């Protein structure tokens, strides 16, 4: 694990897998991905094998947030979805927060969870408990804090090419947010690096001056399985992501990179990362 920019991501040789020979009929096109996602894939297969990596990621998230330099009046949760630890911890650093979801399925789940819907299809109690331990608060108190902090729950379309906007117009304004947090979304739904760079550029525009981007993601992933088929996604390395961020003007990049510990069949990522970056 490394907390500096000296941490190295996977080599391109490790991260680039040969995608030839795949059954084209089993591939999910990007425009269909939002329709076929089963959120249960995450909690049943991904989360149990990701817990140890996530523990390190969350400890460093809390360390970064406790410095008091990240936050302000308004925060944006950009597609954290079931990874509710991130908005939960961010409530101590912002006055209000907008929760934006790429998948309607997870938007419905989070709305139900915030309303204490007992029939919710995903059990997010483990995520709540881990965040509460870090924040040294009872879980129910931390959840109530998030409820009171949430100004709106909206949909977002990262691949929307109309005017380059992906949030409802009310929120898709330049210099609006003090902090944007995102977890395990961007590299999972974006098919190529050029599109990824455009999304990061728009996020930079949404941030106020000296605002922060806090990202949790994975390196070296070439695809993931949706049950409906395989989605071939952008493959990130530390170097390629760092170049995108610097080209978009971000400064003071602070990394945590964690080697993958356990195998699951959903995706082929090599490392997890946490990244904090600042807009000038």
C-alpha atoms as a PDB file:
ATOM      1  CA  UNK A   1       0.000   0.000   0.000  1.00  0.00           C
ATOM      2  CA  UNK A   2       1.285   3.449  -0.853  1.00  0.00           C
ATOM      3  CA  UNK A   3       0.051   6.906   0.074  1.00  0.00           C
ATOM      4  CA  UNK A   4       2.298   8.819  -2.312  1.00  0.00           C
ATOM      5  CA  UNK A   5       2.654   9.402  -6.014  1.00  0.00           C
ATOM      6  CA  UNK A   6       5.561   6.961  -5.997  1.00  0.00           C
ATOM      7  CA  UNK A   7       3.111   4.063  -5.919  1.00  0.00           C
ATOM      8  CA  UNK A   8       3.154   2.205  -9.176  1.00  0.00           C
ATOM      9  CA  UNK A   9       0.144   0.827 -10.944  1.00  0.00           C
ATOM     10  CA  UNK A  10       0.176  -2.367 -12.912  1.00  0.00           C
ATOM     11  CA  UNK A  11       2.414  -2.469 -15.946  1.00  0.00           C
ATOM     12  CA  UNK A  12       0.682  -2.151 -19.285  1.00  0.00           C
ATOM     13  CA  UNK A  13       1.701  -5.715 -20.006  1.00  0.00           C
ATOM     14  CA  UNK A  14      -0.236  -6.901 -16.959  1.00  0.00           C
ATOM     15  CA  UNK A  15      -3.201  -4.638 -17.543  1.00  0.00           C
ATOM     16  CA  UNK A  16      -3.851  -5.186 -21.235  1.00  0.00           C
ATOM     17  CA  UNK A  17      -5.544  -8.472 -21.859  1.00  0.00           C
ATOM     18  CA  UNK A  18      -6.157  -9.923 -25.288  1.00  0.00           C
ATOM     19  CA  UNK A  19      -9.821  -9.350 -26.050  1.00  0.00           C
ATOM     20  CA  UNK A  20      -9.712 -11.256 -29.314  1.00  0.00           C
ATOM     21  CA  UNK A  21     -11.545 -14.517 -29.605  1.00  0.00           C
ATOM     22  CA  UNK A  22     -14.443 -13.435 -27.410  1.00  0.00           C
ATOM     23  CA  UNK A  23     -17.935 -14.399 -28.434  1.00  0.00           C
ATOM     24  CA  UNK A  24     -19.259 -11.111 -29.828  1.00  0.00           C
ATOM     25  CA  UNK A  25     -22.795 -12.231 -29.052  1.00  0.00           C
ATOM     26  CA  UNK A  26     -21.993 -12.185 -25.339  1.00  0.00           C
ATOM     27  CA  UNK A  27     -20.757  -8.579 -25.290  1.00  0.00           C
ATOM     28  CA  UNK A  28     -22.899  -5.832 -23.798  1.00  0.00           C
ATOM     29  CA  UNK A  29     -22.765  -2.537 -25.756  1.00  0.00           C
ATOM     30  CA  UNK A  30     -22.327   0.595 -23.648  1.00  0.00           C
ATOM     31  CA  UNK A  31     -25.766   1.919 -24.593  1.00  0.00           C
ATOM     32  CA  UNK A  32     -27.371  -1.237 -23.160  1.00  0.00           C
ATOM     33  CA  UNK A  33     -25.366  -1.439 -19.934  1.00  0.00           C
ATOM     34  CA  UNK A  34     -27.736   0.720 -17.881  1.00  0.00           C
ATOM     35  CA  UNK A  35     -30.643  -1.586 -18.734  1.00  0.00           C
ATOM     36  CA  UNK A  36     -29.077  -4.919 -17.864  1.00  0.00           C
ATOM     37  CA  UNK A  37     -27.219  -4.227 -14.606  1.00  0.00           C
ATOM     38  CA  UNK A  38     -28.090  -6.509 -11.716  1.00  0.00           C
ATOM     39  CA  UNK A  39     -26.968  -4.743  -8.486  1.00  0.00           C
ATOM     40  CA  UNK A  40     -26.945  -8.113  -6.761  1.00  0.00           C
ATOM     41  CA  UNK A  41     -23.756  -8.963  -8.675  1.00  0.00           C
ATOM     42  CA  UNK A  42     -21.938  -6.384  -6.576  1.00  0.00           C
ATOM     43  CA  UNK A  43     -23.100  -7.477  -3.136  1.00  0.00           C
ATOM     44  CA  UNK A  44     -23.042 -11.204  -3.874  1.00  0.00           C
ATOM     45  CA  UNK A  45     -19.706 -11.506  -5.681  1.00  0.00           C
ATOM     46  CA  UNK A  46     -17.670  -8.310  -5.628  1.00  0.00           C
ATOM     47  CA  UNK A  47     -18.124  -6.826  -2.165  1.00  0.00           C
ATOM     48  CA  UNK A  48     -17.287  -9.965  -0.104  1.00  0.00           C
ATOM     49  CA  UNK A  49     -13.941 -10.348  -1.901  1.00  0.00           C
ATOM     50  CA  UNK A  50     -13.233  -6.603  -1.816  1.00  0.00           C
ATOM     51  CA  UNK A  51     -13.616  -6.089   1.938  1.00  0.00           C
ATOM     52  CA  UNK A  52      -9.918  -6.200   2.883  1.00  0.00           C
ATOM     53  CA  UNK A  53      -8.901  -3.839   0.099  1.00  0.00           C
ATOM     54  CA  UNK A  54     -11.810  -1.583   0.951  1.00  0.00           C
ATOM     55  CA  UNK A  55     -10.794  -1.424   4.608  1.00  0.00           C
ATOM     56  CA  UNK A  56      -7.501   0.200   3.631  1.00  0.00           C
ATOM     57  CA  UNK A  57      -9.252   2.475   1.121  1.00  0.00           C
ATOM     58  CA  UNK A  58     -11.796   3.623   3.707  1.00  0.00           C
ATOM     59  CA  UNK A  59      -9.198   4.234   6.418  1.00  0.00           C
ATOM     60  CA  UNK A  60      -7.311   6.506   4.052  1.00  0.00           C
ATOM     61  CA  UNK A  61     -10.536   8.187   2.937  1.00  0.00           C
ATOM     62  CA  UNK A  62     -11.282   9.076   6.549  1.00  0.00           C
ATOM     63  CA  UNK A  63      -7.719  10.268   7.065  1.00  0.00           C
ATOM     64  CA  UNK A  64      -8.013  12.577   4.057  1.00  0.00           C
ATOM     65  CA  UNK A  65     -11.388  13.914   5.163  1.00  0.00           C
ATOM     66  CA  UNK A  66     -10.230  14.554   8.732  1.00  0.00           C
ATOM     67  CA  UNK A  67      -7.610  17.043   7.548  1.00  0.00           C
ATOM     68  CA  UNK A  68     -10.421  19.577   7.168  1.00  0.00           C
ATOM     69  CA  UNK A  69      -9.232  20.713   3.741  1.00  0.00           C
ATOM     70  CA  UNK A  70     -11.814  18.696   1.777  1.00  0.00           C
ATOM     71  CA  UNK A  71     -15.429  19.826   1.721  1.00  0.00           C
ATOM     72  CA  UNK A  72     -17.598  22.911   1.926  1.00  0.00           C
ATOM     73  CA  UNK A  73     -21.197  23.876   1.289  1.00  0.00           C
ATOM     74  CA  UNK A  74     -22.131  21.327  -1.406  1.00  0.00           C
ATOM     75  CA  UNK A  75     -20.852  17.865  -2.286  1.00  0.00           C
ATOM     76  CA  UNK A  76     -21.665  15.513  -5.159  1.00  0.00           C
ATOM     77  CA  UNK A  77     -21.796  11.733  -4.854  1.00  0.00           C
ATOM     78  CA  UNK A  78     -21.275  10.752  -8.484  1.00  0.00           C
ATOM     79  CA  UNK A  79     -22.405   7.169  -8.784  1.00  0.00           C
ATOM     80  CA  UNK A  80     -21.128   5.648  -5.551  1.00  0.00           C
ATOM     81  CA  UNK A  81     -24.268   3.513  -5.574  1.00  0.00           C
ATOM     82  CA  UNK A  82     -24.037   0.681  -3.010  1.00  0.00           C
ATOM     83  CA  UNK A  83     -20.693   2.047  -1.788  1.00  0.00           C
ATOM     84  CA  UNK A  84     -22.540   4.212   0.723  1.00  0.00           C
ATOM     85  CA  UNK A  85     -19.469   4.464   2.972  1.00  0.00           C
ATOM     86  CA  UNK A  86     -18.255   7.385   0.880  1.00  0.00           C
ATOM     87  CA  UNK A  87     -21.300   9.678   1.157  1.00  0.00           C
ATOM     88  CA  UNK A  88     -21.709   8.613   4.790  1.00  0.00           C
ATOM     89  CA  UNK A  89     -18.195   9.755   5.686  1.00  0.00           C
ATOM     90  CA  UNK A  90     -18.492  12.879   3.557  1.00  0.00           C
ATOM     91  CA  UNK A  91     -21.459  14.144   5.604  1.00  0.00           C
ATOM     92  CA  UNK A  92     -19.030  15.473   8.214  1.00  0.00           C
ATOM     93  CA  UNK A  93     -17.394  17.700   5.589  1.00  0.00           C
ATOM     94  CA  UNK A  94     -20.302  19.193   3.619  1.00  0.00           C
ATOM     95  CA  UNK A  95     -23.504  21.017   4.489  1.00  0.00           C
ATOM     96  CA  UNK A  96     -25.547  19.441   1.678  1.00  0.00           C
ATOM     97  CA  UNK A  97     -25.022  16.655  -0.829  1.00  0.00           C
ATOM     98  CA  UNK A  98     -26.512  15.630  -4.171  1.00  0.00           C
ATOM     99  CA  UNK A  99     -26.572  11.881  -4.848  1.00  0.00           C
ATOM    100  CA  UNK A 100     -26.323  11.180  -8.595  1.00  0.00           C
ATOM    101  CA  UNK A 101     -26.830   7.653  -9.938  1.00  0.00           C
ATOM    102  CA  UNK A 102     -25.893   6.301 -13.348  1.00  0.00           C
ATOM    103  CA  UNK A 103     -28.058   3.213 -12.887  1.00  0.00           C
ATOM    104  CA  UNK A 104     -31.764   3.615 -12.148  1.00  0.00           C
ATOM    105  CA  UNK A 105     -31.603   0.286 -10.307  1.00  0.00           C
ATOM    106  CA  UNK A 106     -29.155   1.595  -7.714  1.00  0.00           C
ATOM    107  CA  UNK A 107     -30.942   4.950  -7.500  1.00  0.00           C
ATOM    108  CA  UNK A 108     -34.124   3.131  -6.475  1.00  0.00           C
ATOM    109  CA  UNK A 109     -32.208   0.991  -3.986  1.00  0.00           C
ATOM    110  CA  UNK A 110     -30.514   3.960  -2.297  1.00  0.00           C
ATOM    111  CA  UNK A 111     -33.774   5.910  -2.123  1.00  0.00           C
ATOM    112  CA  UNK A 112     -35.413   2.919  -0.453  1.00  0.00           C
ATOM    113  CA  UNK A 113     -32.498   2.475   1.950  1.00  0.00           C
ATOM    114  CA  UNK A 114     -32.650   6.126   2.994  1.00  0.00           C
ATOM    115  CA  UNK A 115     -36.355   5.632   3.734  1.00  0.00           C
ATOM    116  CA  UNK A 116     -35.571   2.498   5.785  1.00  0.00           C
ATOM    117  CA  UNK A 117     -37.446   0.283   3.334  1.00  0.00           C
ATOM    118  CA  UNK A 118     -37.403  -3.185   4.888  1.00  0.00           C
ATOM    119  CA  UNK A 119     -37.982  -4.820   1.496  1.00  0.00           C
ATOM    120  CA  UNK A 120     -34.866  -3.304  -0.039  1.00  0.00           C
ATOM    121  CA  UNK A 121     -33.170  -5.860  -2.286  1.00  0.00           C
ATOM    122  CA  UNK A 122     -29.659  -4.996  -1.077  1.00  0.00           C
ATOM    123  CA  UNK A 123     -28.454  -5.158   2.499  1.00  0.00           C
ATOM    124  CA  UNK A 124     -26.221  -2.140   3.038  1.00  0.00           C
ATOM    125  CA  UNK A 125     -25.778  -2.637   6.780  1.00  0.00           C
ATOM    126  CA  UNK A 126     -22.177  -3.856   6.421  1.00  0.00           C
ATOM    127  CA  UNK A 127     -21.258  -0.691   4.535  1.00  0.00           C
ATOM    128  CA  UNK A 128     -22.992   1.443   7.155  1.00  0.00           C
ATOM    129  CA  UNK A 129     -21.275  -0.384  10.024  1.00  0.00           C
ATOM    130  CA  UNK A 130     -17.790   0.042   8.553  1.00  0.00           C
ATOM    131  CA  UNK A 131     -18.325   3.778   8.024  1.00  0.00           C
ATOM    132  CA  UNK A 132     -19.767   4.187  11.513  1.00  0.00           C
ATOM    133  CA  UNK A 133     -16.723   2.499  13.042  1.00  0.00           C
ATOM    134  CA  UNK A 134     -14.382   4.926  11.297  1.00  0.00           C
ATOM    135  CA  UNK A 135     -16.500   7.952  12.199  1.00  0.00           C
ATOM    136  CA  UNK A 136     -16.869   6.688  15.785  1.00  0.00           C
ATOM    137  CA  UNK A 137     -20.634   7.128  15.673  1.00  0.00           C
ATOM    138  CA  UNK A 138     -23.596   4.764  16.024  1.00  0.00           C
ATOM    139  CA  UNK A 139     -24.709   3.509  12.631  1.00  0.00           C
ATOM    140  CA  UNK A 140     -28.237   4.855  12.945  1.00  0.00           C
ATOM    141  CA  UNK A 141     -26.906   8.293  13.898  1.00  0.00           C
ATOM    142  CA  UNK A 142     -24.585   8.368  10.879  1.00  0.00           C
ATOM    143  CA  UNK A 143     -27.403   7.314   8.572  1.00  0.00           C
ATOM    144  CA  UNK A 144     -29.661  10.048   9.973  1.00  0.00           C
ATOM    145  CA  UNK A 145     -26.839  12.512   9.406  1.00  0.00           C
ATOM    146  CA  UNK A 146     -26.723  11.474   5.749  1.00  0.00           C
ATOM    147  CA  UNK A 147     -30.502  11.748   5.403  1.00  0.00           C
ATOM    148  CA  UNK A 148     -30.469  15.299   6.715  1.00  0.00           C
ATOM    149  CA  UNK A 149     -27.549  16.161   4.431  1.00  0.00           C
ATOM    150  CA  UNK A 150     -29.026  14.881   1.151  1.00  0.00           C
ATOM    151  CA  UNK A 151     -30.494  17.730  -0.877  1.00  0.00           C
ATOM    152  CA  UNK A 152     -31.532  15.605  -3.864  1.00  0.00           C
ATOM    153  CA  UNK A 153     -31.231  12.170  -5.470  1.00  0.00           C
ATOM    154  CA  UNK A 154     -30.937  12.402  -9.257  1.00  0.00           C
ATOM    155  CA  UNK A 155     -29.990  10.408 -12.330  1.00  0.00           C
ATOM    156  CA  UNK A 156     -26.839  11.071 -14.329  1.00  0.00           C
ATOM    157  CA  UNK A 157     -25.812  10.005 -17.813  1.00  0.00           C
ATOM    158  CA  UNK A 158     -22.040  10.041 -18.107  1.00  0.00           C
ATOM    159  CA  UNK A 159     -22.177   9.270 -21.827  1.00  0.00           C
ATOM    160  CA  UNK A 160     -24.660  12.012 -22.699  1.00  0.00           C
ATOM    161  CA  UNK A 161     -23.152  13.948 -25.585  1.00  0.00           C
ATOM    162  CA  UNK A 162     -25.699  16.773 -25.577  1.00  0.00           C
ATOM    163  CA  UNK A 163     -23.845  19.918 -24.487  1.00  0.00           C
ATOM    164  CA  UNK A 164     -21.384  17.669 -22.648  1.00  0.00           C
ATOM    165  CA  UNK A 165     -23.652  17.623 -19.593  1.00  0.00           C
ATOM    166  CA  UNK A 166     -24.500  14.519 -17.582  1.00  0.00           C
ATOM    167  CA  UNK A 167     -26.433  15.911 -14.599  1.00  0.00           C
ATOM    168  CA  UNK A 168     -29.836  17.617 -14.540  1.00  0.00           C
ATOM    169  CA  UNK A 169     -29.367  21.215 -15.675  1.00  0.00           C
ATOM    170  CA  UNK A 170     -30.023  22.519 -12.166  1.00  0.00           C
ATOM    171  CA  UNK A 171     -26.815  20.851 -10.966  1.00  0.00           C
ATOM    172  CA  UNK A 172     -24.732  20.726 -14.142  1.00  0.00           C
ATOM    173  CA  UNK A 173     -23.284  24.188 -13.598  1.00  0.00           C
ATOM    174  CA  UNK A 174     -19.675  25.298 -13.604  1.00  0.00           C
ATOM    175  CA  UNK A 175     -18.027  25.958 -10.245  1.00  0.00           C
ATOM    176  CA  UNK A 176     -20.931  24.442  -8.284  1.00  0.00           C
ATOM    177  CA  UNK A 177     -19.515  21.719  -6.020  1.00  0.00           C
ATOM    178  CA  UNK A 178     -16.873  21.867  -3.308  1.00  0.00           C
ATOM    179  CA  UNK A 179     -16.126  18.159  -3.558  1.00  0.00           C
ATOM    180  CA  UNK A 180     -17.047  15.294  -5.895  1.00  0.00           C
ATOM    181  CA  UNK A 181     -16.728  11.712  -4.665  1.00  0.00           C
ATOM    182  CA  UNK A 182     -17.079   8.685  -6.931  1.00  0.00           C
ATOM    183  CA  UNK A 183     -16.552   4.968  -6.350  1.00  0.00           C
ATOM    184  CA  UNK A 184     -16.199   2.019  -8.737  1.00  0.00           C
ATOM    185  CA  UNK A 185     -18.235   3.693 -11.474  1.00  0.00           C
ATOM    186  CA  UNK A 186     -16.260   5.599 -14.096  1.00  0.00           C
ATOM    187  CA  UNK A 187     -13.948   2.832 -15.289  1.00  0.00           C
ATOM    188  CA  UNK A 188     -16.815   0.325 -15.080  1.00  0.00           C
ATOM    189  CA  UNK A 189     -19.168   2.100 -17.506  1.00  0.00           C
ATOM    190  CA  UNK A 190     -16.873   4.100 -19.809  1.00  0.00           C
ATOM    191  CA  UNK A 191     -15.598   2.170 -22.852  1.00  0.00           C
ATOM    192  CA  UNK A 192     -12.457   4.115 -23.807  1.00  0.00           C
ATOM    193  CA  UNK A 193      -9.864   6.556 -22.502  1.00  0.00           C
ATOM    194  CA  UNK A 194     -10.945   9.509 -24.671  1.00  0.00           C
ATOM    195  CA  UNK A 195     -14.467   9.364 -23.251  1.00  0.00           C
ATOM    196  CA  UNK A 196     -13.043   8.920 -19.760  1.00  0.00           C
ATOM    197  CA  UNK A 197     -10.948  12.073 -20.184  1.00  0.00           C
ATOM    198  CA  UNK A 198     -14.013  14.053 -21.305  1.00  0.00           C
ATOM    199  CA  UNK A 199     -15.928  12.967 -18.198  1.00  0.00           C
ATOM    200  CA  UNK A 200     -13.029  13.939 -15.916  1.00  0.00           C
ATOM    201  CA  UNK A 201     -12.837  17.304 -17.689  1.00  0.00           C
ATOM    202  CA  UNK A 202     -16.538  17.897 -17.022  1.00  0.00           C
ATOM    203  CA  UNK A 203     -16.100  16.933 -13.357  1.00  0.00           C
ATOM    204  CA  UNK A 204     -13.297  19.478 -13.140  1.00  0.00           C
ATOM    205  CA  UNK A 205     -15.703  22.082 -14.514  1.00  0.00           C
ATOM    206  CA  UNK A 206     -18.346  21.219 -11.919  1.00  0.00           C
ATOM    207  CA  UNK A 207     -15.907  21.833  -9.071  1.00  0.00           C
ATOM    208  CA  UNK A 208     -15.352  25.220  -7.493  1.00  0.00           C
ATOM    209  CA  UNK A 209     -11.859  26.668  -7.395  1.00  0.00           C
ATOM    210  CA  UNK A 210      -9.733  24.672  -4.952  1.00  0.00           C
ATOM    211  CA  UNK A 211     -12.441  22.000  -4.876  1.00  0.00           C
ATOM    212  CA  UNK A 212     -11.514  18.317  -4.562  1.00  0.00           C
ATOM    213  CA  UNK A 213     -12.145  15.112  -6.474  1.00  0.00           C
ATOM    214  CA  UNK A 214     -12.073  11.965  -4.319  1.00  0.00           C
ATOM    215  CA  UNK A 215     -12.044   8.768  -6.365  1.00  0.00           C
ATOM    216  CA  UNK A 216     -12.125   5.072  -5.534  1.00  0.00           C
ATOM    217  CA  UNK A 217     -11.597   2.752  -8.462  1.00  0.00           C
ATOM    218  CA  UNK A 218      -9.593  -0.095  -9.940  1.00  0.00           C
ATOM    219  CA  UNK A 219      -6.599  -0.401 -12.244  1.00  0.00           C
ATOM    220  CA  UNK A 220      -5.991  -2.967 -14.946  1.00  0.00           C
ATOM    221  CA  UNK A 221      -9.622  -3.955 -15.517  1.00  0.00           C
ATOM    222  CA  UNK A 222     -10.431  -4.812 -19.141  1.00  0.00           C
ATOM    223  CA  UNK A 223     -13.965  -6.147 -18.676  1.00  0.00           C
ATOM    224  CA  UNK A 224     -16.612  -7.166 -16.187  1.00  0.00           C
ATOM    225  CA  UNK A 225     -19.532  -9.582 -16.385  1.00  0.00           C
ATOM    226  CA  UNK A 226     -23.075  -8.294 -15.952  1.00  0.00           C
ATOM    227  CA  UNK A 227     -24.873 -11.669 -16.041  1.00  0.00           C
ATOM    228  CA  UNK A 228     -26.381 -10.447 -19.319  1.00  0.00           C
ATOM    229  CA  UNK A 229     -22.936 -10.533 -20.902  1.00  0.00           C
ATOM    230  CA  UNK A 230     -19.447  -9.081 -20.800  1.00  0.00           C
ATOM    231  CA  UNK A 231     -18.790  -5.338 -20.925  1.00  0.00           C
ATOM    232  CA  UNK A 232     -15.408  -4.281 -22.276  1.00  0.00           C
ATOM    233  CA  UNK A 233     -14.416  -1.139 -20.386  1.00  0.00           C
ATOM    234  CA  UNK A 234     -11.585   1.377 -20.377  1.00  0.00           C
ATOM    235  CA  UNK A 235      -8.384  -0.056 -18.907  1.00  0.00           C
ATOM    236  CA  UNK A 236      -6.686   2.353 -16.523  1.00  0.00           C
ATOM    237  CA  UNK A 237      -3.108   2.416 -15.318  1.00  0.00           C
ATOM    238  CA  UNK A 238      -1.791   4.778 -12.680  1.00  0.00           C
ATOM    239  CA  UNK A 239       0.152   6.566 -15.393  1.00  0.00           C
ATOM    240  CA  UNK A 240      -2.779   6.953 -17.798  1.00  0.00           C
ATOM    241  CA  UNK A 241      -5.124   8.181 -15.065  1.00  0.00           C
ATOM    242  CA  UNK A 242      -2.538  10.584 -13.722  1.00  0.00           C
ATOM    243  CA  UNK A 243      -2.020  12.037 -17.204  1.00  0.00           C
ATOM    244  CA  UNK A 244      -5.773  12.528 -17.680  1.00  0.00           C
ATOM    245  CA  UNK A 245      -6.068  14.332 -14.352  1.00  0.00           C
ATOM    246  CA  UNK A 246      -3.060  16.565 -14.939  1.00  0.00           C
ATOM    247  CA  UNK A 247      -4.214  17.369 -18.489  1.00  0.00           C
ATOM    248  CA  UNK A 248      -7.522  18.462 -16.939  1.00  0.00           C
ATOM    249  CA  UNK A 249      -5.662  20.748 -14.554  1.00  0.00           C
ATOM    250  CA  UNK A 250      -5.840  18.774 -11.316  1.00  0.00           C
ATOM    251  CA  UNK A 251      -3.046  19.270  -8.776  1.00  0.00           C
ATOM    252  CA  UNK A 252      -1.728  17.677  -5.565  1.00  0.00           C
ATOM    253  CA  UNK A 253      -2.552  14.084  -6.472  1.00  0.00           C
ATOM    254  CA  UNK A 254      -2.471  11.811  -3.421  1.00  0.00           C
ATOM    255  CA  UNK A 255      -2.659   8.075  -4.062  1.00  0.00           C
ATOM    256  CA  UNK A 256      -3.384   4.904  -2.166  1.00  0.00           C
ATOM    257  CA  UNK A 257      -2.930   1.745  -4.253  1.00  0.00           C
ATOM    258  CA  UNK A 258      -3.793  -1.725  -2.945  1.00  0.00           C
ATOM    259  CA  UNK A 259      -3.029  -5.036  -4.647  1.00  0.00           C
ATOM    260  CA  UNK A 260      -6.014  -7.251  -5.326  1.00  0.00           C
ATOM    261  CA  UNK A 261      -6.272  -9.947  -2.670  1.00  0.00           C
ATOM    262  CA  UNK A 262      -9.060 -12.285  -3.743  1.00  0.00           C
ATOM    263  CA  UNK A 263     -10.343 -13.551  -7.049  1.00  0.00           C
ATOM    264  CA  UNK A 264     -13.934 -13.291  -8.177  1.00  0.00           C
ATOM    265  CA  UNK A 265     -15.322 -13.997 -11.623  1.00  0.00           C
ATOM    266  CA  UNK A 266     -16.996 -10.625 -12.170  1.00  0.00           C
ATOM    267  CA  UNK A 267     -13.939  -8.668 -13.335  1.00  0.00           C
ATOM    268  CA  UNK A 268     -10.198  -8.930 -13.966  1.00  0.00           C
ATOM    269  CA  UNK A 269      -8.890  -5.800 -12.238  1.00  0.00           C
ATOM    270  CA  UNK A 270      -5.375  -5.908 -10.760  1.00  0.00           C
ATOM    271  CA  UNK A 271      -5.318  -3.186  -8.095  1.00  0.00           C
ATOM    272  CA  UNK A 272      -7.657  -0.871  -6.199  1.00  0.00           C
ATOM    273  CA  UNK A 273      -6.943   2.793  -5.732  1.00  0.00           C
ATOM    274  CA  UNK A 274      -7.996   5.854  -3.807  1.00  0.00           C
ATOM    275  CA  UNK A 275      -7.092   9.229  -5.237  1.00  0.00           C
ATOM    276  CA  UNK A 276      -7.523  12.757  -3.949  1.00  0.00           C
ATOM    277  CA  UNK A 277      -6.922  15.608  -6.401  1.00  0.00           C
ATOM    278  CA  UNK A 278      -7.461  19.364  -6.188  1.00  0.00           C
ATOM    279  CA  UNK A 279      -8.710  21.878  -8.734  1.00  0.00           C
ATOM    280  CA  UNK A 280      -6.509  25.011  -8.823  1.00  0.00           C
END
